[in-house]
Amino acid sequence: MTTTTKAKLGELMWDHRLRAAAAVALLAAAVVSVSAIGPRLSAVVSFFWPLLVSTAFFLVAMTVLLRISPPPTGADDSGKELVDFVAGSHMDHFLPEACATVEVPPEI
């Protein structure tokens, strides 16, 4: 950062010192209220430990599997035909003749 950029940043902070002070005060109040009212970190970890362990296991397994067997080099084009088919407009089963042959039941 150059001295002109630092000077501009200091000038900008001086111009908005009340907003910056309000933001810092709001952040401090939020931290204090969460720490006073909210649950302790140990309670949160003890509740979510199975989720945290399974997520860590999954990430380690994915890392090991990607190192053991990297994806094939031609993997980019493997599903291209399927994507083209799904994205394409294949409306062959909605022919106008099929709509004209539908009979309407008589009203009672």
PDB file of N, CA and C in Angstrom:
ATOM      1  N   MET A   1       0.846  -1.164   0.000  1.00  0.00           N
ATOM      2  CA  MET A   1       0.000   0.000   0.000  1.00  0.00           C
ATOM      3  C   MET A   1       0.899   1.237   0.000  1.00  0.00           C
ATOM      4  N   THR A   2       0.585   2.160  -0.816  1.00  0.00           N
ATOM      5  CA  THR A   2       1.395   3.374  -0.879  1.00  0.00           C
ATOM      6  C   THR A   2       0.903   4.371   0.155  1.00  0.00           C
ATOM      7  N   THR A   3       1.682   5.424   0.338  1.00  0.00           N
ATOM      8  CA  THR A   3       1.319   6.421   1.350  1.00  0.00           C
ATOM      9  C   THR A   3       0.084   7.207   0.926  1.00  0.00           C
ATOM     10  N   THR A   4      -0.134   7.397  -0.365  1.00  0.00           N
ATOM     11  CA  THR A   4      -1.332   8.128  -0.798  1.00  0.00           C
ATOM     12  C   THR A   4      -2.583   7.305  -0.545  1.00  0.00           C
ATOM     13  N   THR A   5      -2.476   5.987  -0.727  1.00  0.00           N
ATOM     14  CA  THR A   5      -3.620   5.122  -0.456  1.00  0.00           C
ATOM     15  C   THR A   5      -3.916   5.101   1.036  1.00  0.00           C
ATOM     16  N   LYS A   6      -2.880   5.033   1.856  1.00  0.00           N
ATOM     17  CA  LYS A   6      -3.080   5.063   3.304  1.00  0.00           C
ATOM     18  C   LYS A   6      -3.682   6.388   3.740  1.00  0.00           C
ATOM     19  N   ALA A   7      -3.242   7.474   3.122  1.00  0.00           N
ATOM     20  CA  ALA A   7      -3.787   8.788   3.462  1.00  0.00           C
ATOM     21  C   ALA A   7      -5.251   8.879   3.072  1.00  0.00           C
ATOM     22  N   LYS A   8      -5.579   8.332   1.913  1.00  0.00           N
ATOM     23  CA  LYS A   8      -6.985   8.354   1.476  1.00  0.00           C
ATOM     24  C   LYS A   8      -7.843   7.494   2.398  1.00  0.00           C
ATOM     25  N   LEU A   9      -7.308   6.344   2.792  1.00  0.00           N
ATOM     26  CA  LEU A   9      -8.053   5.467   3.695  1.00  0.00           C
ATOM     27  C   LEU A   9      -8.250   6.138   5.053  1.00  0.00           C
ATOM     28  N   GLY A  10      -7.205   6.793   5.577  1.00  0.00           N
ATOM     29  CA  GLY A  10      -7.330   7.508   6.846  1.00  0.00           C
ATOM     30  C   GLY A  10      -8.321   8.652   6.761  1.00  0.00           C
ATOM     31  N   GLU A  11      -8.306   9.353   5.642  1.00  0.00           N
ATOM     32  CA  GLU A  11      -9.265  10.451   5.440  1.00  0.00           C
ATOM     33  C   GLU A  11     -10.686   9.924   5.344  1.00  0.00           C
ATOM     34  N   LEU A  12     -10.854   8.801   4.655  1.00  0.00           N
ATOM     35  CA  LEU A  12     -12.179   8.196   4.531  1.00  0.00           C
ATOM     36  C   LEU A  12     -12.690   7.729   5.892  1.00  0.00           C
ATOM     37  N   MET A  13     -11.810   7.120   6.684  1.00  0.00           N
ATOM     38  CA  MET A  13     -12.213   6.682   8.022  1.00  0.00           C
ATOM     39  C   MET A  13     -12.541   7.877   8.917  1.00  0.00           C
ATOM     40  N   TRP A  14     -11.815   8.957   8.776  1.00  0.00           N
ATOM     41  CA  TRP A  14     -12.103  10.146   9.565  1.00  0.00           C
ATOM     42  C   TRP A  14     -13.452  10.736   9.193  1.00  0.00           C
ATOM     43  N   ASP A  15     -13.782  10.694   7.904  1.00  0.00           N
ATOM     44  CA  ASP A  15     -15.081  11.215   7.457  1.00  0.00           C
ATOM     45  C   ASP A  15     -16.234  10.365   7.982  1.00  0.00           C
ATOM     46  N   HIS A  16     -16.000   9.081   8.110  1.00  0.00           N
ATOM     47  CA  HIS A  16     -17.069   8.163   8.544  1.00  0.00           C
ATOM     48  C   HIS A  16     -16.774   7.594   9.925  1.00  0.00           C
ATOM     49  N   ARG A  17     -16.201   8.368  10.813  1.00  0.00           N
ATOM     50  CA  ARG A  17     -15.798   7.868  12.127  1.00  0.00           C
ATOM     51  C   ARG A  17     -16.995   7.485  12.983  1.00  0.00           C
ATOM     52  N   LEU A  18     -18.110   8.192  12.838  1.00  0.00           N
ATOM     53  CA  LEU A  18     -19.288   7.833  13.635  1.00  0.00           C
ATOM     54  C   LEU A  18     -19.876   6.499  13.189  1.00  0.00           C
ATOM     55  N   ARG A  19     -19.917   6.284  11.890  1.00  0.00           N
ATOM     56  CA  ARG A  19     -20.427   5.007  11.382  1.00  0.00           C
ATOM     57  C   ARG A  19     -19.501   3.857  11.784  1.00  0.00           C
ATOM     58  N   ALA A  20     -18.202   4.090  11.713  1.00  0.00           N
ATOM     59  CA  ALA A  20     -17.250   3.055  12.102  1.00  0.00           C
ATOM     60  C   ALA A  20     -17.366   2.744  13.595  1.00  0.00           C
ATOM     61  N   ALA A  21     -17.518   3.768  14.404  1.00  0.00           N
ATOM     62  CA  ALA A  21     -17.668   3.553  15.847  1.00  0.00           C
ATOM     63  C   ALA A  21     -18.967   2.814  16.145  1.00  0.00           C
ATOM     64  N   ALA A  22     -20.033   3.147  15.435  1.00  0.00           N
ATOM     65  CA  ALA A  22     -21.309   2.454  15.630  1.00  0.00           C
ATOM     66  C   ALA A  22     -21.196   0.990  15.207  1.00  0.00           C
ATOM     67  N   ALA A  23     -20.479   0.727  14.112  1.00  0.00           N
ATOM     68  CA  ALA A  23     -20.313  -0.650  13.657  1.00  0.00           C
ATOM     69  C   ALA A  23     -19.500  -1.463  14.653  1.00  0.00           C
ATOM     70  N   VAL A  24     -18.436  -0.861  15.192  1.00  0.00           N
ATOM     71  CA  VAL A  24     -17.616  -1.560  16.192  1.00  0.00           C
ATOM     72  C   VAL A  24     -18.433  -1.813  17.455  1.00  0.00           C
ATOM     73  N   ALA A  25     -19.224  -0.832  17.884  1.00  0.00           N
ATOM     74  CA  ALA A  25     -20.053  -1.005  19.079  1.00  0.00           C
ATOM     75  C   ALA A  25     -21.107  -2.086  18.863  1.00  0.00           C
ATOM     76  N   LEU A  26     -21.703  -2.112  17.673  1.00  0.00           N
ATOM     77  CA  LEU A  26     -22.715  -3.128  17.373  1.00  0.00           C
ATOM     78  C   LEU A  26     -22.087  -4.520  17.344  1.00  0.00           C
ATOM     79  N   LEU A  27     -20.906  -4.621  16.768  1.00  0.00           N
ATOM     80  CA  LEU A  27     -20.209  -5.904  16.738  1.00  0.00           C
ATOM     81  C   LEU A  27     -19.842  -6.365  18.144  1.00  0.00           C
ATOM     82  N   ALA A  28     -19.372  -5.457  18.968  1.00  0.00           N
ATOM     83  CA  ALA A  28     -19.028  -5.805  20.348  1.00  0.00           C
ATOM     84  C   ALA A  28     -20.265  -6.230  21.133  1.00  0.00           C
ATOM     85  N   ALA A  29     -21.380  -5.528  20.940  1.00  0.00           N
ATOM     86  CA  ALA A  29     -22.617  -5.898  21.626  1.00  0.00           C
ATOM     87  C   ALA A  29     -23.111  -7.267  21.173  1.00  0.00           C
ATOM     88  N   ALA A  30     -22.957  -7.564  19.891  1.00  0.00           N
ATOM     89  CA  ALA A  30     -23.383  -8.872  19.390  1.00  0.00           C
ATOM     90  C   ALA A  30     -22.521  -9.985  19.972  1.00  0.00           C
ATOM     91  N   VAL A  31     -21.216  -9.757  20.058  1.00  0.00           N
ATOM     92  CA  VAL A  31     -20.321 -10.778  20.612  1.00  0.00           C
ATOM     93  C   VAL A  31     -20.621 -11.003  22.086  1.00  0.00           C
ATOM     94  N   VAL A  32     -20.842  -9.938  22.826  1.00  0.00           N
ATOM     95  CA  VAL A  32     -21.133 -10.064  24.251  1.00  0.00           C
ATOM     96  C   VAL A  32     -22.466 -10.764  24.465  1.00  0.00           C
ATOM     97  N   SER A  33     -23.483 -10.413  23.680  1.00  0.00           N
ATOM     98  CA  SER A  33     -24.797 -11.032  23.876  1.00  0.00           C
ATOM     99  C   SER A  33     -24.783 -12.499  23.491  1.00  0.00           C
ATOM    100  N   VAL A  34     -24.076 -12.856  22.428  1.00  0.00           N
ATOM    101  CA  VAL A  34     -24.009 -14.267  22.048  1.00  0.00           C
ATOM    102  C   VAL A  34     -23.246 -15.066  23.093  1.00  0.00           C
ATOM    103  N   SER A  35     -22.170 -14.489  23.620  1.00  0.00           N
ATOM    104  CA  SER A  35     -21.411 -15.226  24.631  1.00  0.00           C
ATOM    105  C   SER A  35     -22.159 -15.328  25.954  1.00  0.00           C
ATOM    106  N   ALA A  36     -23.002 -14.359  26.256  1.00  0.00           N
ATOM    107  CA  ALA A  36     -23.747 -14.392  27.514  1.00  0.00           C
ATOM    108  C   ALA A  36     -25.013 -15.244  27.408  1.00  0.00           C
ATOM    109  N   ILE A  37     -25.711 -15.134  26.295  1.00  0.00           N
ATOM    110  CA  ILE A  37     -26.999 -15.811  26.147  1.00  0.00           C
ATOM    111  C   ILE A  37     -26.855 -17.164  25.457  1.00  0.00           C
ATOM    112  N   GLY A  38     -25.974 -17.238  24.477  1.00  0.00           N
ATOM    113  CA  GLY A  38     -25.842 -18.440  23.664  1.00  0.00           C
ATOM    114  C   GLY A  38     -25.198 -19.590  24.402  1.00  0.00           C
ATOM    115  N   PRO A  39     -25.238 -20.761  23.778  1.00  0.00           N
ATOM    116  CA  PRO A  39     -24.635 -21.937  24.421  1.00  0.00           C
ATOM    117  C   PRO A  39     -23.112 -21.868  24.376  1.00  0.00           C
ATOM    118  N   ARG A  40     -22.491 -22.608  25.238  1.00  0.00           N
ATOM    119  CA  ARG A  40     -21.037 -22.679  25.272  1.00  0.00           C
ATOM    120  C   ARG A  40     -20.552 -23.493  24.077  1.00  0.00           C
ATOM    121  N   LEU A  41     -19.325 -23.243  23.661  1.00  0.00           N
ATOM    122  CA  LEU A  41     -18.761 -23.948  22.513  1.00  0.00           C
ATOM    123  C   LEU A  41     -18.662 -25.446  22.779  1.00  0.00           C
ATOM    124  N   SER A  42     -18.365 -25.812  24.001  1.00  0.00           N
ATOM    125  CA  SER A  42     -18.280 -27.243  24.331  1.00  0.00           C
ATOM    126  C   SER A  42     -19.639 -27.930  24.200  1.00  0.00           C
ATOM    127  N   ALA A  43     -20.712 -27.222  24.496  1.00  0.00           N
ATOM    128  CA  ALA A  43     -22.045 -27.807  24.346  1.00  0.00           C
ATOM    129  C   ALA A  43     -22.385 -28.014  22.874  1.00  0.00           C
ATOM    130  N   VAL A  44     -22.008 -27.056  22.041  1.00  0.00           N
ATOM    131  CA  VAL A  44     -22.269 -27.179  20.607  1.00  0.00           C
ATOM    132  C   VAL A  44     -21.456 -28.327  20.019  1.00  0.00           C
ATOM    133  N   VAL A  45     -20.183 -28.420  20.392  1.00  0.00           N
ATOM    134  CA  VAL A  45     -19.330 -29.497  19.877  1.00  0.00           C
ATOM    135  C   VAL A  45     -19.815 -30.849  20.382  1.00  0.00           C
ATOM    136  N   SER A  46     -20.234 -30.926  21.630  1.00  0.00           N
ATOM    137  CA  SER A  46     -20.712 -32.212  22.149  1.00  0.00           C
ATOM    138  C   SER A  46     -22.020 -32.635  21.477  1.00  0.00           C
ATOM    139  N   PHE A  47     -22.816 -31.692  20.997  1.00  0.00           N
ATOM    140  CA  PHE A  47     -24.052 -32.038  20.300  1.00  0.00           C
ATOM    141  C   PHE A  47     -23.773 -32.472  18.868  1.00  0.00           C
ATOM    142  N   PHE A  48     -22.850 -31.774  18.198  1.00  0.00           N
ATOM    143  CA  PHE A  48     -22.605 -32.024  16.782  1.00  0.00           C
ATOM    144  C   PHE A  48     -21.390 -32.905  16.514  1.00  0.00           C
ATOM    145  N   TRP A  49     -20.813 -33.570  17.510  1.00  0.00           N
ATOM    146  CA  TRP A  49     -19.602 -34.333  17.274  1.00  0.00           C
ATOM    147  C   TRP A  49     -19.789 -35.448  16.260  1.00  0.00           C
ATOM    148  N   PRO A  50     -20.924 -36.156  16.194  1.00  0.00           N
ATOM    149  CA  PRO A  50     -21.050 -37.185  15.146  1.00  0.00           C
ATOM    150  C   PRO A  50     -21.016 -36.577  13.739  1.00  0.00           C
ATOM    151  N   LEU A  51     -21.648 -35.430  13.568  1.00  0.00           N
ATOM    152  CA  LEU A  51     -21.637 -34.774  12.265  1.00  0.00           C
ATOM    153  C   LEU A  51     -20.233 -34.308  11.903  1.00  0.00           C
ATOM    154  N   LEU A  52     -19.516 -33.751  12.857  1.00  0.00           N
ATOM    155  CA  LEU A  52     -18.164 -33.284  12.599  1.00  0.00           C
ATOM    156  C   LEU A  52     -17.226 -34.438  12.274  1.00  0.00           C
ATOM    157  N   VAL A  53     -17.352 -35.555  12.982  1.00  0.00           N
ATOM    158  CA  VAL A  53     -16.492 -36.713  12.733  1.00  0.00           C
ATOM    159  C   VAL A  53     -16.813 -37.325  11.372  1.00  0.00           C
ATOM    160  N   SER A  54     -18.096 -37.469  11.039  1.00  0.00           N
ATOM    161  CA  SER A  54     -18.442 -38.072   9.750  1.00  0.00           C
ATOM    162  C   SER A  54     -18.025 -37.175   8.588  1.00  0.00           C
ATOM    163  N   THR A  55     -18.128 -35.872   8.749  1.00  0.00           N
ATOM    164  CA  THR A  55     -17.687 -34.957   7.704  1.00  0.00           C
ATOM    165  C   THR A  55     -16.182 -35.036   7.517  1.00  0.00           C
ATOM    166  N   ALA A  56     -15.442 -35.096   8.607  1.00  0.00           N
ATOM    167  CA  ALA A  56     -13.989 -35.228   8.510  1.00  0.00           C
ATOM    168  C   ALA A  56     -13.615 -36.556   7.853  1.00  0.00           C
ATOM    169  N   PHE A  57     -14.301 -37.633   8.214  1.00  0.00           N
ATOM    170  CA  PHE A  57     -14.034 -38.930   7.606  1.00  0.00           C
ATOM    171  C   PHE A  57     -14.311 -38.904   6.108  1.00  0.00           C
ATOM    172  N   PHE A  58     -15.406 -38.280   5.716  1.00  0.00           N
ATOM    173  CA  PHE A  58     -15.755 -38.184   4.300  1.00  0.00           C
ATOM    174  C   PHE A  58     -14.700 -37.391   3.529  1.00  0.00           C
ATOM    175  N   LEU A  59     -14.242 -36.269   4.082  1.00  0.00           N
ATOM    176  CA  LEU A  59     -13.226 -35.469   3.398  1.00  0.00           C
ATOM    177  C   LEU A  59     -11.909 -36.220   3.271  1.00  0.00           C
ATOM    178  N   VAL A  60     -11.530 -36.945   4.310  1.00  0.00           N
ATOM    179  CA  VAL A  60     -10.305 -37.744   4.246  1.00  0.00           C
ATOM    180  C   VAL A  60     -10.454 -38.863   3.221  1.00  0.00           C
ATOM    181  N   ALA A  61     -11.613 -39.516   3.196  1.00  0.00           N
ATOM    182  CA  ALA A  61     -11.839 -40.597   2.231  1.00  0.00           C
ATOM    183  C   ALA A  61     -11.800 -40.065   0.801  1.00  0.00           C
ATOM    184  N   MET A  62     -12.398 -38.901   0.552  1.00  0.00           N
ATOM    185  CA  MET A  62     -12.371 -38.323  -0.793  1.00  0.00           C
ATOM    186  C   MET A  62     -10.956 -37.955  -1.207  1.00  0.00           C
ATOM    187  N   THR A  63     -10.178 -37.433  -0.268  1.00  0.00           N
ATOM    188  CA  THR A  63      -8.791 -37.082  -0.578  1.00  0.00           C
ATOM    189  C   THR A  63      -7.982 -38.325  -0.914  1.00  0.00           C
ATOM    190  N   VAL A  64      -8.152 -39.381  -0.130  1.00  0.00           N
ATOM    191  CA  VAL A  64      -7.417 -40.622  -0.381  1.00  0.00           C
ATOM    192  C   VAL A  64      -7.846 -41.229  -1.710  1.00  0.00           C
ATOM    193  N   LEU A  65      -9.140 -41.269  -1.984  1.00  0.00           N
ATOM    194  CA  LEU A  65      -9.613 -41.852  -3.242  1.00  0.00           C
ATOM    195  C   LEU A  65      -9.151 -41.062  -4.453  1.00  0.00           C
ATOM    196  N   LEU A  66      -9.105 -39.749  -4.362  1.00  0.00           N
ATOM    197  CA  LEU A  66      -8.636 -38.950  -5.494  1.00  0.00           C
ATOM    198  C   LEU A  66      -7.140 -39.126  -5.712  1.00  0.00           C
ATOM    199  N   ARG A  67      -6.393 -39.381  -4.657  1.00  0.00           N
ATOM    200  CA  ARG A  67      -4.953 -39.621  -4.827  1.00  0.00           C
ATOM    201  C   ARG A  67      -4.694 -41.017  -5.372  1.00  0.00           C
ATOM    202  N   ILE A  68      -5.488 -42.003  -4.942  1.00  0.00           N
ATOM    203  CA  ILE A  68      -5.288 -43.380  -5.398  1.00  0.00           C
ATOM    204  C   ILE A  68      -5.693 -43.519  -6.866  1.00  0.00           C
ATOM    205  N   SER A  69      -6.888 -43.051  -7.195  1.00  0.00           N
ATOM    206  CA  SER A  69      -7.377 -43.191  -8.565  1.00  0.00           C
ATOM    207  C   SER A  69      -7.877 -41.828  -9.053  1.00  0.00           C
ATOM    208  N   PRO A  70      -7.025 -41.075  -9.724  1.00  0.00           N
ATOM    209  CA  PRO A  70      -7.472 -39.785 -10.244  1.00  0.00           C
ATOM    210  C   PRO A  70      -8.517 -39.980 -11.331  1.00  0.00           C
ATOM    211  N   PRO A  71      -9.346 -39.000 -11.569  1.00  0.00           N
ATOM    212  CA  PRO A  71     -10.365 -39.139 -12.600  1.00  0.00           C
ATOM    213  C   PRO A  71      -9.717 -39.301 -13.968  1.00  0.00           C
ATOM    214  N   PRO A  72     -10.375 -40.020 -14.882  1.00  0.00           N
ATOM    215  CA  PRO A  72      -9.804 -40.218 -16.211  1.00  0.00           C
ATOM    216  C   PRO A  72      -9.685 -38.892 -16.967  1.00  0.00           C
ATOM    217  N   THR A  73      -8.786 -38.875 -17.928  1.00  0.00           N
ATOM    218  CA  THR A  73      -8.545 -37.629 -18.666  1.00  0.00           C
ATOM    219  C   THR A  73      -9.709 -37.264 -19.564  1.00  0.00           C
ATOM    220  N   GLY A  74     -10.444 -38.221 -20.065  1.00  0.00           N
ATOM    221  CA  GLY A  74     -11.583 -37.940 -20.940  1.00  0.00           C
ATOM    222  C   GLY A  74     -12.886 -37.799 -20.183  1.00  0.00           C
ATOM    223  N   ALA A  75     -12.826 -37.503 -18.900  1.00  0.00           N
ATOM    224  CA  ALA A  75     -14.035 -37.431 -18.084  1.00  0.00           C
ATOM    225  C   ALA A  75     -14.885 -36.211 -18.430  1.00  0.00           C
ATOM    226  N   ASP A  76     -14.327 -35.252 -19.129  1.00  0.00           N
ATOM    227  CA  ASP A  76     -15.081 -34.044 -19.460  1.00  0.00           C
ATOM    228  C   ASP A  76     -16.212 -34.327 -20.442  1.00  0.00           C
ATOM    229  N   ASP A  77     -16.006 -35.269 -21.368  1.00  0.00           N
ATOM    230  CA  ASP A  77     -16.993 -35.528 -22.415  1.00  0.00           C
ATOM    231  C   ASP A  77     -17.864 -36.735 -22.117  1.00  0.00           C
ATOM    232  N   SER A  78     -17.753 -37.334 -20.931  1.00  0.00           N
ATOM    233  CA  SER A  78     -18.450 -38.586 -20.671  1.00  0.00           C
ATOM    234  C   SER A  78     -19.968 -38.421 -20.655  1.00  0.00           C
ATOM    235  N   GLY A  79     -20.481 -37.325 -20.127  1.00  0.00           N
ATOM    236  CA  GLY A  79     -21.923 -37.144 -20.060  1.00  0.00           C
ATOM    237  C   GLY A  79     -22.454 -36.114 -21.029  1.00  0.00           C
ATOM    238  N   LYS A  80     -21.664 -35.772 -22.034  1.00  0.00           N
ATOM    239  CA  LYS A  80     -22.061 -34.706 -22.963  1.00  0.00           C
ATOM    240  C   LYS A  80     -23.304 -35.093 -23.756  1.00  0.00           C
ATOM    241  N   GLU A  81     -23.383 -36.342 -24.188  1.00  0.00           N
ATOM    242  CA  GLU A  81     -24.544 -36.770 -24.966  1.00  0.00           C
ATOM    243  C   GLU A  81     -25.818 -36.712 -24.121  1.00  0.00           C
ATOM    244  N   LEU A  82     -25.714 -37.130 -22.875  1.00  0.00           N
ATOM    245  CA  LEU A  82     -26.873 -37.099 -21.987  1.00  0.00           C
ATOM    246  C   LEU A  82     -27.315 -35.664 -21.719  1.00  0.00           C
ATOM    247  N   VAL A  83     -26.356 -34.783 -21.471  1.00  0.00           N
ATOM    248  CA  VAL A  83     -26.685 -33.377 -21.221  1.00  0.00           C
ATOM    249  C   VAL A  83     -27.310 -32.756 -22.461  1.00  0.00           C
ATOM    250  N   ASP A  84     -26.788 -33.069 -23.640  1.00  0.00           N
ATOM    251  CA  ASP A  84     -27.367 -32.540 -24.880  1.00  0.00           C
ATOM    252  C   ASP A  84     -28.788 -33.047 -25.076  1.00  0.00           C
ATOM    253  N   PHE A  85     -29.026 -34.311 -24.737  1.00  0.00           N
ATOM    254  CA  PHE A  85     -30.373 -34.861 -24.884  1.00  0.00           C
ATOM    255  C   PHE A  85     -31.345 -34.198 -23.920  1.00  0.00           C
ATOM    256  N   VAL A  86     -30.924 -34.035 -22.657  1.00  0.00           N
ATOM    257  CA  VAL A  86     -31.804 -33.441 -21.651  1.00  0.00           C
ATOM    258  C   VAL A  86     -32.039 -31.965 -21.952  1.00  0.00           C
ATOM    259  N   ALA A  87     -31.002 -31.254 -22.363  1.00  0.00           N
ATOM    260  CA  ALA A  87     -31.142 -29.829 -22.631  1.00  0.00           C
ATOM    261  C   ALA A  87     -31.849 -29.562 -23.949  1.00  0.00           C
ATOM    262  N   GLY A  88     -31.835 -30.518 -24.843  1.00  0.00           N
ATOM    263  CA  GLY A  88     -32.467 -30.327 -26.147  1.00  0.00           C
ATOM    264  C   GLY A  88     -33.979 -30.334 -26.033  1.00  0.00           C
ATOM    265  N   SER A  89     -34.618 -29.883 -27.093  1.00  0.00           N
ATOM    266  CA  SER A  89     -36.083 -29.815 -27.121  1.00  0.00           C
ATOM    267  C   SER A  89     -36.608 -30.990 -27.931  1.00  0.00           C
ATOM    268  N   HIS A  90     -36.817 -32.123 -27.284  1.00  0.00           N
ATOM    269  CA  HIS A  90     -37.343 -33.315 -27.937  1.00  0.00           C
ATOM    270  C   HIS A  90     -38.818 -33.450 -27.589  1.00  0.00           C
ATOM    271  N   MET A  91     -39.641 -32.824 -28.378  1.00  0.00           N
ATOM    272  CA  MET A  91     -41.078 -32.820 -28.106  1.00  0.00           C
ATOM    273  C   MET A  91     -41.805 -33.734 -29.089  1.00  0.00           C
ATOM    274  N   ASP A  92     -41.237 -34.886 -29.432  1.00  0.00           N
ATOM    275  CA  ASP A  92     -41.840 -35.783 -30.410  1.00  0.00           C
ATOM    276  C   ASP A  92     -43.139 -36.399 -29.915  1.00  0.00           C
ATOM    277  N   HIS A  93     -43.280 -36.543 -28.614  1.00  0.00           N
ATOM    278  CA  HIS A  93     -44.477 -37.188 -28.087  1.00  0.00           C
ATOM    279  C   HIS A  93     -45.632 -36.202 -27.937  1.00  0.00           C
ATOM    280  N   PHE A  94     -45.425 -34.919 -28.207  1.00  0.00           N
ATOM    281  CA  PHE A  94     -46.496 -33.938 -28.168  1.00  0.00           C
ATOM    282  C   PHE A  94     -46.853 -33.490 -29.582  1.00  0.00           C
ATOM    283  N   LEU A  95     -47.305 -34.424 -30.394  1.00  0.00           N
ATOM    284  CA  LEU A  95     -47.661 -34.097 -31.765  1.00  0.00           C
ATOM    285  C   LEU A  95     -49.058 -33.498 -31.815  1.00  0.00           C
ATOM    286  N   PRO A  96     -49.321 -32.572 -32.725  1.00  0.00           N
ATOM    287  CA  PRO A  96     -50.668 -31.981 -32.816  1.00  0.00           C
ATOM    288  C   PRO A  96     -51.734 -33.007 -33.162  1.00  0.00           C
ATOM    289  N   GLU A  97     -51.373 -34.050 -33.932  1.00  0.00           N
ATOM    290  CA  GLU A  97     -52.368 -35.066 -34.288  1.00  0.00           C
ATOM    291  C   GLU A  97     -52.824 -35.842 -33.060  1.00  0.00           C
ATOM    292  N   ALA A  98     -51.904 -36.055 -32.116  1.00  0.00           N
ATOM    293  CA  ALA A  98     -52.247 -36.802 -30.913  1.00  0.00           C
ATOM    294  C   ALA A  98     -53.245 -36.026 -30.069  1.00  0.00           C
ATOM    295  N   CYS A  99     -53.144 -34.707 -30.061  1.00  0.00           N
ATOM    296  CA  CYS A  99     -54.087 -33.898 -29.291  1.00  0.00           C
ATOM    297  C   CYS A  99     -55.469 -33.904 -29.939  1.00  0.00           C
ATOM    298  N   ALA A 100     -55.510 -34.031 -31.270  1.00  0.00           N
ATOM    299  CA  ALA A 100     -56.789 -33.987 -31.962  1.00  0.00           C
ATOM    300  C   ALA A 100     -57.555 -35.299 -31.801  1.00  0.00           C
ATOM    301  N   THR A 101     -56.887 -36.412 -31.528  1.00  0.00           N
ATOM    302  CA  THR A 101     -57.564 -37.694 -31.423  1.00  0.00           C
ATOM    303  C   THR A 101     -58.097 -37.979 -30.019  1.00  0.00           C
ATOM    304  N   VAL A 102     -57.873 -37.093 -29.068  1.00  0.00           N
ATOM    305  CA  VAL A 102     -58.362 -37.320 -27.721  1.00  0.00           C
ATOM    306  C   VAL A 102     -59.864 -37.054 -27.707  1.00  0.00           C
ATOM    307  N   GLU A 103     -60.606 -38.037 -27.186  1.00  0.00           N
ATOM    308  CA  GLU A 103     -62.059 -37.895 -27.136  1.00  0.00           C
ATOM    309  C   GLU A 103     -62.465 -37.329 -25.791  1.00  0.00           C
ATOM    310  N   VAL A 104     -63.385 -36.409 -25.820  1.00  0.00           N
ATOM    311  CA  VAL A 104     -63.894 -35.795 -24.599  1.00  0.00           C
ATOM    312  C   VAL A 104     -65.129 -36.573 -24.175  1.00  0.00           C
ATOM    313  N   PRO A 105     -65.214 -36.976 -22.918  1.00  0.00           N
ATOM    314  CA  PRO A 105     -66.410 -37.716 -22.477  1.00  0.00           C
ATOM    315  C   PRO A 105     -67.639 -36.815 -22.518  1.00  0.00           C
ATOM    316  N   PRO A 106     -68.790 -37.394 -22.805  1.00  0.00           N
ATOM    317  CA  PRO A 106     -69.994 -36.569 -22.864  1.00  0.00           C
ATOM    318  C   PRO A 106     -70.411 -36.079 -21.478  1.00  0.00           C
ATOM    319  N   GLU A 107     -71.006 -34.900 -21.461  1.00  0.00           N
ATOM    320  CA  GLU A 107     -71.463 -34.340 -20.202  1.00  0.00           C
ATOM    321  C   GLU A 107     -72.741 -35.031 -19.776  1.00  0.00           C
ATOM    322  N   ILE A 108     -72.902 -35.163 -18.501  1.00  0.00           N
ATOM    323  CA  ILE A 108     -74.086 -35.840 -17.961  1.00  0.00           C
ATOM    324  C   ILE A 108     -75.118 -34.827 -17.517  1.00  0.00           C
TER     325      ILE A 108
END
